[in-house]
Amino acid sequence: MNAPSVTPTLAKLCSELDRAERELVCADIIDNFQRRDIEMAEARRRRDAIKTQIAIFDDAEGRN
């Protein structure tokens, strides 16, 4: 019996990237500036981490 893969697929990463970018847009319209800055920083970190995962995925696929 095979264990399920924990490696995200490219489609899942792209979906997560779309969501992270929406979260960044939503954070930008928060009217409490301190909260806005905190949430935008978190959303940027998440978005950038997902972009890094996609780049690694693309690089690994390019080698095969």
Protein backbone atom coordinates (compact mmCIF):
# COMPACT_ATOMS: atom_id res chain seq x y z
CA MET A 1 0.00 0.00 0.00
CA ASN A 2 1.39 3.39 -1.04
CA ALA A 3 1.28 6.37 1.28
CA PRO A 4 -0.26 9.50 -0.18
CA SER A 5 2.21 12.04 -1.54
CA VAL A 6 2.79 15.13 0.57
CA THR A 7 4.53 16.91 -2.31
CA PRO A 8 2.28 19.64 -3.71
CA THR A 9 1.43 19.55 -7.38
CA LEU A 10 2.08 22.51 -9.64
CA ALA A 11 -1.67 23.04 -10.00
CA LYS A 12 -2.09 23.14 -6.22
CA LEU A 13 0.80 25.58 -5.87
CA CYS A 14 -0.71 27.84 -8.55
CA SER A 15 -4.06 27.73 -6.74
CA GLU A 16 -2.35 28.62 -3.46
CA LEU A 17 -0.52 31.46 -5.21
CA ASP A 18 -3.81 32.87 -6.51
CA ARG A 19 -5.22 32.76 -2.99
CA ALA A 20 -2.11 34.38 -1.48
CA GLU A 21 -2.29 37.19 -4.04
CA ARG A 22 -5.98 37.77 -3.21
CA GLU A 23 -5.09 37.87 0.49
CA LEU A 24 -2.46 40.50 -0.27
CA VAL A 25 -5.01 42.64 -2.12
CA CYS A 26 -7.49 42.26 0.74
CA ALA A 27 -4.85 43.17 3.31
CA ASP A 28 -4.09 46.33 1.35
CA ILE A 29 -7.60 47.71 1.96
CA ILE A 30 -7.60 47.26 5.75
CA ASP A 31 -8.23 50.67 7.30
CA ASN A 32 -6.22 50.04 10.48
CA PHE A 33 -2.71 50.88 9.31
CA GLN A 34 -0.86 48.81 11.90
CA ARG A 35 -2.98 45.73 11.16
CA ARG A 36 -2.71 46.43 7.43
CA ASP A 37 1.10 46.48 7.59
CA ILE A 38 1.21 43.26 9.61
CA GLU A 39 -1.21 41.39 7.35
CA MET A 40 0.42 42.66 4.16
CA ALA A 41 3.83 41.50 5.39
CA GLU A 42 2.41 38.05 6.19
CA ALA A 43 0.66 37.84 2.82
CA ARG A 44 3.85 38.88 0.99
CA ARG A 45 5.88 36.24 2.84
CA ARG A 46 3.32 33.56 1.98
CA ARG A 47 3.14 34.67 -1.66
CA ASP A 48 6.93 34.77 -1.97
CA ALA A 49 7.31 31.34 -0.34
CA ILE A 50 4.82 29.86 -2.80
CA LYS A 51 6.60 31.53 -5.74
CA THR A 52 9.84 29.97 -4.49
CA GLN A 53 8.19 26.54 -4.34
CA ILE A 54 6.90 26.97 -7.89
CA ALA A 55 10.37 27.98 -9.11
CA ILE A 56 11.90 24.92 -7.42
CA PHE A 57 9.17 22.73 -8.93
CA ASP A 58 9.76 24.20 -12.41
CA ASP A 59 13.53 23.79 -12.02
CA ALA A 60 13.17 20.15 -10.96
CA GLU A 61 10.78 19.44 -13.86
CA GLY A 62 13.22 21.08 -16.27
CA ARG A 63 15.96 18.69 -15.23
CA ASN A 64 13.86 15.62 -16.04
